[in-house]
Amino acid sequence: MTAGARLPNAFQLLQQELLPNSAPQTGTFTSNVFDKVTYNTCTVQIDVSAVGATPTATFALEGSLDGNRWFSVPYRTPASDTSSNAAITLTAVGAAVFYVDPKFVRFLRVRCTANTNVTIDSVLATAVF
């Protein structure tokens, strides 16, 4: 390497919109699957674009080793360093961010199990290696 030459970026980024049909969702749904391959860390962002009267939507972050059998995976939030795999409940407009704990699942998805008057605009997954 010559003096002053730039080193290649040590990080690689994989990002994918997981919302089915890339259209806002108002009912229950299961997101498209994110294949994080060999990437270690993964962040999931759920964007709520609109709410109506008494809004509430419940989500589960799910992982799989083979893409067929799914199970709840633990996550952390920016506000807490405590790991949890409890159901996620969103009631307001904005972006909710979750750091997926397990490094050893290959596939990830988001499942909306209940939805009353909440419009989900985007479900985005990002992995960094």
N, C-alpha and C. Protein backbone atom coordinates (compact mmCIF):
# COMPACT_ATOMS: atom_id res chain seq x y z
N MET A 1 0.85 -1.16 0.00
CA MET A 1 0.00 0.00 0.00
C MET A 1 0.89 1.23 0.00
N THR A 2 0.55 2.17 -0.81
CA THR A 2 1.33 3.40 -0.89
C THR A 2 0.90 4.38 0.19
N ALA A 3 1.81 5.27 0.55
CA ALA A 3 1.50 6.27 1.57
C ALA A 3 0.32 7.13 1.11
N GLY A 4 -0.62 7.37 2.01
CA GLY A 4 -1.78 8.20 1.70
C GLY A 4 -2.93 7.45 1.05
N ALA A 5 -2.72 6.18 0.73
CA ALA A 5 -3.80 5.39 0.12
C ALA A 5 -4.86 5.08 1.18
N ARG A 6 -6.10 5.05 0.77
CA ARG A 6 -7.20 4.77 1.70
C ARG A 6 -7.35 3.28 1.92
N LEU A 7 -7.62 2.93 3.16
CA LEU A 7 -7.93 1.55 3.47
C LEU A 7 -9.37 1.27 3.08
N PRO A 8 -9.69 0.05 2.67
CA PRO A 8 -11.09 -0.27 2.38
C PRO A 8 -11.90 -0.18 3.66
N ASN A 9 -13.17 0.15 3.51
CA ASN A 9 -14.06 0.26 4.65
C ASN A 9 -14.15 -1.09 5.35
N ALA A 10 -13.98 -1.09 6.66
CA ALA A 10 -13.99 -2.33 7.43
C ALA A 10 -15.41 -2.84 7.66
N PHE A 11 -16.42 -2.00 7.43
CA PHE A 11 -17.81 -2.40 7.66
C PHE A 11 -18.52 -2.64 6.35
N GLN A 12 -19.39 -3.64 6.35
CA GLN A 12 -20.28 -3.88 5.23
C GLN A 12 -21.70 -3.77 5.76
N LEU A 13 -22.60 -3.29 4.93
CA LEU A 13 -23.96 -3.02 5.36
C LEU A 13 -24.94 -3.75 4.44
N LEU A 14 -25.91 -4.41 5.06
CA LEU A 14 -26.98 -5.08 4.33
C LEU A 14 -28.28 -4.50 4.86
N GLN A 15 -29.12 -3.98 3.97
CA GLN A 15 -30.36 -3.33 4.40
C GLN A 15 -31.51 -3.77 3.50
N GLN A 16 -32.68 -4.00 4.10
CA GLN A 16 -33.82 -4.48 3.31
C GLN A 16 -35.13 -4.02 3.94
N GLU A 17 -36.05 -3.53 3.09
CA GLU A 17 -37.42 -3.21 3.51
C GLU A 17 -38.18 -4.53 3.61
N LEU A 18 -38.81 -4.79 4.75
CA LEU A 18 -39.48 -6.06 4.98
C LEU A 18 -40.99 -6.02 4.88
N LEU A 19 -41.55 -4.85 4.67
CA LEU A 19 -43.00 -4.75 4.62
C LEU A 19 -43.53 -5.45 3.37
N PRO A 20 -44.50 -6.35 3.53
CA PRO A 20 -45.04 -7.04 2.36
C PRO A 20 -45.53 -6.05 1.30
N ASN A 21 -45.14 -6.26 0.09
CA ASN A 21 -45.54 -5.44 -1.06
C ASN A 21 -45.07 -3.99 -0.95
N SER A 22 -44.23 -3.69 0.03
CA SER A 22 -43.71 -2.33 0.24
C SER A 22 -44.82 -1.28 0.31
N ALA A 23 -45.96 -1.67 0.84
CA ALA A 23 -47.10 -0.76 0.98
C ALA A 23 -47.49 -0.69 2.45
N PRO A 24 -48.02 0.44 2.92
CA PRO A 24 -48.45 0.54 4.31
C PRO A 24 -49.45 -0.57 4.67
N GLN A 25 -49.35 -1.05 5.89
CA GLN A 25 -50.21 -2.12 6.38
C GLN A 25 -51.09 -1.58 7.50
N THR A 26 -52.36 -1.97 7.50
CA THR A 26 -53.27 -1.53 8.55
C THR A 26 -53.80 -2.69 9.39
N GLY A 27 -53.61 -3.89 8.97
CA GLY A 27 -54.08 -5.05 9.74
C GLY A 27 -52.91 -5.87 10.24
N THR A 28 -53.18 -7.11 10.59
CA THR A 28 -52.10 -8.00 11.01
C THR A 28 -51.37 -8.51 9.77
N PHE A 29 -50.09 -8.82 9.93
CA PHE A 29 -49.28 -9.30 8.80
C PHE A 29 -48.02 -9.96 9.33
N THR A 30 -47.37 -10.69 8.46
CA THR A 30 -46.02 -11.21 8.71
C THR A 30 -45.13 -10.60 7.66
N SER A 31 -44.03 -10.01 8.09
CA SER A 31 -43.15 -9.32 7.15
C SER A 31 -42.46 -10.32 6.23
N ASN A 32 -41.85 -9.79 5.21
CA ASN A 32 -40.96 -10.60 4.39
C ASN A 32 -39.79 -11.03 5.26
N VAL A 33 -39.07 -12.03 4.83
CA VAL A 33 -37.96 -12.60 5.60
C VAL A 33 -36.67 -11.88 5.25
N PHE A 34 -35.88 -11.59 6.28
CA PHE A 34 -34.57 -10.98 6.12
C PHE A 34 -33.52 -12.06 6.33
N ASP A 35 -32.74 -12.35 5.29
CA ASP A 35 -31.66 -13.32 5.38
C ASP A 35 -30.39 -12.55 5.71
N LYS A 36 -29.97 -12.62 6.98
CA LYS A 36 -28.82 -11.82 7.39
C LYS A 36 -27.50 -12.55 7.14
N VAL A 37 -27.53 -13.67 6.53
CA VAL A 37 -26.36 -14.45 6.10
C VAL A 37 -25.32 -14.51 7.22
N THR A 38 -24.13 -14.02 6.98
CA THR A 38 -23.06 -14.10 7.98
C THR A 38 -22.91 -12.83 8.80
N TYR A 39 -23.82 -11.89 8.63
CA TYR A 39 -23.73 -10.64 9.37
C TYR A 39 -24.04 -10.88 10.85
N ASN A 40 -23.26 -10.25 11.73
CA ASN A 40 -23.40 -10.49 13.16
C ASN A 40 -24.56 -9.72 13.78
N THR A 41 -24.58 -8.43 13.62
CA THR A 41 -25.58 -7.62 14.30
C THR A 41 -26.74 -7.31 13.37
N CYS A 42 -27.89 -7.05 13.96
CA CYS A 42 -29.06 -6.71 13.16
C CYS A 42 -29.93 -5.74 13.95
N THR A 43 -30.42 -4.73 13.26
CA THR A 43 -31.33 -3.75 13.83
C THR A 43 -32.61 -3.75 13.01
N VAL A 44 -33.75 -3.73 13.70
CA VAL A 44 -35.05 -3.68 13.04
C VAL A 44 -35.72 -2.37 13.43
N GLN A 45 -36.27 -1.68 12.43
CA GLN A 45 -37.00 -0.43 12.68
C GLN A 45 -38.42 -0.58 12.16
N ILE A 46 -39.40 -0.28 13.01
CA ILE A 46 -40.81 -0.32 12.63
C ILE A 46 -41.31 1.12 12.65
N ASP A 47 -41.81 1.59 11.51
CA ASP A 47 -42.28 2.96 11.38
C ASP A 47 -43.80 3.01 11.38
N VAL A 48 -44.37 3.70 12.34
CA VAL A 48 -45.81 3.92 12.42
C VAL A 48 -46.09 5.29 11.80
N SER A 49 -46.90 5.32 10.73
CA SER A 49 -47.14 6.58 10.02
C SER A 49 -48.46 7.26 10.40
N ALA A 50 -49.41 6.50 10.96
CA ALA A 50 -50.69 7.09 11.33
C ALA A 50 -51.36 6.23 12.39
N VAL A 51 -52.12 6.90 13.25
CA VAL A 51 -52.91 6.18 14.25
C VAL A 51 -54.31 6.78 14.30
N GLY A 52 -55.26 5.94 14.69
CA GLY A 52 -56.64 6.40 14.85
C GLY A 52 -57.02 6.38 16.32
N ALA A 53 -58.29 6.27 16.59
CA ALA A 53 -58.79 6.25 17.97
C ALA A 53 -58.32 4.97 18.67
N THR A 54 -57.94 5.08 19.92
CA THR A 54 -57.44 3.98 20.76
C THR A 54 -56.49 3.04 20.01
N PRO A 55 -55.38 3.58 19.50
CA PRO A 55 -54.47 2.77 18.69
C PRO A 55 -53.61 1.81 19.51
N THR A 56 -53.41 0.62 18.98
CA THR A 56 -52.46 -0.32 19.55
C THR A 56 -52.13 -1.39 18.52
N ALA A 57 -50.84 -1.67 18.36
CA ALA A 57 -50.39 -2.74 17.47
C ALA A 57 -49.35 -3.56 18.22
N THR A 58 -49.45 -4.87 18.12
CA THR A 58 -48.56 -5.77 18.85
C THR A 58 -47.72 -6.56 17.86
N PHE A 59 -46.41 -6.66 18.15
CA PHE A 59 -45.47 -7.30 17.24
C PHE A 59 -44.62 -8.33 17.97
N ALA A 60 -44.10 -9.29 17.20
CA ALA A 60 -43.11 -10.25 17.69
C ALA A 60 -41.94 -10.24 16.71
N LEU A 61 -40.72 -10.21 17.24
CA LEU A 61 -39.52 -10.40 16.41
C LEU A 61 -39.23 -11.88 16.42
N GLU A 62 -39.14 -12.48 15.23
CA GLU A 62 -38.95 -13.93 15.14
C GLU A 62 -37.71 -14.26 14.33
N GLY A 63 -37.05 -15.34 14.75
CA GLY A 63 -35.86 -15.81 14.05
C GLY A 63 -36.02 -17.25 13.64
N SER A 64 -35.16 -17.68 12.72
CA SER A 64 -35.19 -19.05 12.24
C SER A 64 -33.79 -19.45 11.80
N LEU A 65 -33.50 -20.72 11.96
CA LEU A 65 -32.23 -21.25 11.46
C LEU A 65 -32.36 -21.74 10.03
N ASP A 66 -33.56 -22.18 9.65
CA ASP A 66 -33.75 -22.78 8.34
C ASP A 66 -34.77 -22.06 7.46
N GLY A 67 -35.42 -21.01 7.97
CA GLY A 67 -36.41 -20.28 7.19
C GLY A 67 -37.79 -20.90 7.21
N ASN A 68 -37.96 -22.00 7.96
CA ASN A 68 -39.25 -22.70 8.03
C ASN A 68 -39.84 -22.71 9.43
N ARG A 69 -39.02 -22.93 10.43
CA ARG A 69 -39.47 -23.00 11.82
C ARG A 69 -39.07 -21.72 12.52
N TRP A 70 -40.05 -21.00 13.07
CA TRP A 70 -39.83 -19.66 13.63
C TRP A 70 -40.02 -19.66 15.13
N PHE A 71 -39.26 -18.83 15.83
CA PHE A 71 -39.34 -18.70 17.27
C PHE A 71 -39.04 -17.25 17.65
N SER A 72 -39.53 -16.85 18.81
CA SER A 72 -39.32 -15.50 19.31
C SER A 72 -37.85 -15.30 19.64
N VAL A 73 -37.30 -14.15 19.25
CA VAL A 73 -35.90 -13.85 19.54
C VAL A 73 -35.82 -12.64 20.47
N PRO A 74 -34.82 -12.63 21.36
CA PRO A 74 -34.67 -11.50 22.26
C PRO A 74 -34.14 -10.27 21.54
N TYR A 75 -34.48 -9.12 22.08
CA TYR A 75 -34.06 -7.85 21.50
C TYR A 75 -33.78 -6.87 22.64
N ARG A 76 -33.14 -5.79 22.28
CA ARG A 76 -32.89 -4.67 23.20
C ARG A 76 -33.40 -3.41 22.51
N THR A 77 -33.65 -2.37 23.28
CA THR A 77 -34.08 -1.09 22.72
C THR A 77 -33.03 -0.04 23.03
N PRO A 78 -33.06 1.10 22.35
CA PRO A 78 -32.11 2.17 22.67
C PRO A 78 -32.25 2.66 24.12
N ALA A 79 -33.43 2.51 24.72
CA ALA A 79 -33.67 2.99 26.07
C ALA A 79 -33.28 1.98 27.15
N SER A 80 -33.04 0.72 26.76
CA SER A 80 -32.76 -0.30 27.77
C SER A 80 -31.72 -1.28 27.26
N ASP A 81 -30.79 -1.62 28.13
CA ASP A 81 -29.77 -2.61 27.78
C ASP A 81 -30.19 -4.00 28.26
N THR A 82 -31.44 -4.13 28.67
CA THR A 82 -31.96 -5.40 29.13
C THR A 82 -32.58 -6.16 27.98
N SER A 83 -32.20 -7.41 27.84
CA SER A 83 -32.73 -8.24 26.77
C SER A 83 -34.14 -8.71 27.11
N SER A 84 -35.01 -8.73 26.08
CA SER A 84 -36.39 -9.16 26.28
C SER A 84 -36.89 -9.84 25.00
N ASN A 85 -37.79 -10.77 25.15
CA ASN A 85 -38.48 -11.30 23.98
C ASN A 85 -39.99 -11.15 24.16
N ALA A 86 -40.37 -10.18 24.99
CA ALA A 86 -41.78 -9.87 25.21
C ALA A 86 -42.38 -9.27 23.94
N ALA A 87 -43.69 -9.37 23.83
CA ALA A 87 -44.39 -8.75 22.70
C ALA A 87 -44.11 -7.25 22.71
N ILE A 88 -44.01 -6.67 21.53
CA ILE A 88 -43.76 -5.24 21.36
C ILE A 88 -45.10 -4.58 21.08
N THR A 89 -45.43 -3.52 21.81
CA THR A 89 -46.67 -2.80 21.59
C THR A 89 -46.35 -1.37 21.19
N LEU A 90 -46.91 -0.92 20.06
CA LEU A 90 -46.72 0.44 19.58
C LEU A 90 -48.08 1.13 19.52
N THR A 91 -48.12 2.38 19.98
CA THR A 91 -49.39 3.11 20.04
C THR A 91 -49.31 4.52 19.47
N ALA A 92 -48.14 4.94 19.01
CA ALA A 92 -47.98 6.33 18.56
C ALA A 92 -47.21 6.39 17.25
N VAL A 93 -47.36 7.48 16.54
CA VAL A 93 -46.62 7.72 15.30
C VAL A 93 -45.14 7.88 15.63
N GLY A 94 -44.29 7.29 14.81
CA GLY A 94 -42.84 7.41 14.99
C GLY A 94 -42.14 6.12 14.65
N ALA A 95 -40.82 6.14 14.80
CA ALA A 95 -40.00 4.97 14.51
C ALA A 95 -39.60 4.28 15.81
N ALA A 96 -39.75 2.98 15.86
CA ALA A 96 -39.32 2.18 17.00
C ALA A 96 -38.17 1.30 16.54
N VAL A 97 -37.07 1.31 17.30
CA VAL A 97 -35.85 0.60 16.91
C VAL A 97 -35.58 -0.52 17.90
N PHE A 98 -35.18 -1.68 17.37
CA PHE A 98 -34.89 -2.85 18.19
C PHE A 98 -33.59 -3.48 17.70
N TYR A 99 -32.69 -3.76 18.66
CA TYR A 99 -31.42 -4.43 18.35
C TYR A 99 -31.62 -5.91 18.65
N VAL A 100 -31.52 -6.74 17.62
CA VAL A 100 -31.76 -8.17 17.77
C VAL A 100 -30.55 -8.79 18.46
N ASP A 101 -30.79 -9.50 19.57
CA ASP A 101 -29.71 -10.08 20.36
C ASP A 101 -29.00 -11.28 19.73
N PRO A 102 -29.73 -12.28 19.27
CA PRO A 102 -29.02 -13.50 18.87
C PRO A 102 -28.21 -13.29 17.59
N LYS A 103 -26.96 -13.61 17.69
CA LYS A 103 -26.10 -13.52 16.50
C LYS A 103 -26.20 -14.79 15.67
N PHE A 104 -26.81 -15.82 16.22
CA PHE A 104 -26.74 -17.12 15.58
C PHE A 104 -28.04 -17.58 14.95
N VAL A 105 -28.93 -16.66 14.59
CA VAL A 105 -30.06 -17.00 13.74
C VAL A 105 -29.75 -16.45 12.35
N ARG A 106 -30.17 -17.14 11.35
CA ARG A 106 -29.88 -16.69 9.99
C ARG A 106 -30.99 -15.82 9.44
N PHE A 107 -32.24 -16.16 9.73
CA PHE A 107 -33.38 -15.46 9.16
C PHE A 107 -34.14 -14.70 10.24
N LEU A 108 -34.66 -13.53 9.87
CA LEU A 108 -35.46 -12.72 10.78
C LEU A 108 -36.73 -12.27 10.09
N ARG A 109 -37.79 -12.08 10.87
CA ARG A 109 -39.02 -11.50 10.36
C ARG A 109 -39.74 -10.81 11.50
N VAL A 110 -40.70 -9.96 11.16
CA VAL A 110 -41.53 -9.28 12.14
C VAL A 110 -42.96 -9.73 11.90
N ARG A 111 -43.63 -10.14 12.98
CA ARG A 111 -45.03 -10.57 12.86
C ARG A 111 -45.90 -9.63 13.67
N CYS A 112 -46.86 -9.00 13.00
CA CYS A 112 -47.85 -8.14 13.67
C CYS A 112 -49.00 -9.06 14.05
N THR A 113 -49.19 -9.25 15.37
CA THR A 113 -50.18 -10.22 15.84
C THR A 113 -51.53 -9.60 16.15
N ALA A 114 -51.57 -8.28 16.35
CA ALA A 114 -52.83 -7.58 16.60
C ALA A 114 -52.64 -6.13 16.17
N ASN A 115 -53.70 -5.55 15.61
CA ASN A 115 -53.58 -4.17 15.13
C ASN A 115 -54.95 -3.50 15.17
N THR A 116 -55.04 -2.43 15.95
CA THR A 116 -56.26 -1.63 16.02
C THR A 116 -55.90 -0.19 15.70
N ASN A 117 -56.30 0.28 14.53
CA ASN A 117 -56.16 1.68 14.13
C ASN A 117 -54.71 2.18 14.05
N VAL A 118 -53.78 1.32 13.63
CA VAL A 118 -52.39 1.71 13.45
C VAL A 118 -51.97 1.40 12.02
N THR A 119 -51.34 2.38 11.35
CA THR A 119 -50.82 2.16 10.00
C THR A 119 -49.30 2.04 10.08
N ILE A 120 -48.80 0.91 9.63
CA ILE A 120 -47.36 0.65 9.62
C ILE A 120 -46.84 1.00 8.23
N ASP A 121 -45.95 1.96 8.18
CA ASP A 121 -45.44 2.45 6.91
C ASP A 121 -44.22 1.68 6.42
N SER A 122 -43.41 1.17 7.35
CA SER A 122 -42.16 0.54 6.96
C SER A 122 -41.68 -0.40 8.04
N VAL A 123 -41.10 -1.52 7.62
CA VAL A 123 -40.36 -2.41 8.51
C VAL A 123 -39.02 -2.63 7.83
N LEU A 124 -37.97 -2.09 8.44
CA LEU A 124 -36.65 -2.08 7.82
C LEU A 124 -35.69 -2.88 8.68
N ALA A 125 -34.89 -3.72 8.06
CA ALA A 125 -33.86 -4.48 8.78
C ALA A 125 -32.50 -4.10 8.21
N THR A 126 -31.53 -3.93 9.09
CA THR A 126 -30.17 -3.59 8.70
C THR A 126 -29.21 -4.48 9.46
N ALA A 127 -28.24 -5.01 8.76
CA ALA A 127 -27.20 -5.82 9.40
C ALA A 127 -25.84 -5.23 9.05
N VAL A 128 -24.93 -5.31 10.00
CA VAL A 128 -23.59 -4.77 9.80
C VAL A 128 -22.58 -5.86 10.09
N PHE A 129 -21.56 -5.94 9.24
CA PHE A 129 -20.48 -6.90 9.46
C PHE A 129 -19.18 -6.14 9.50
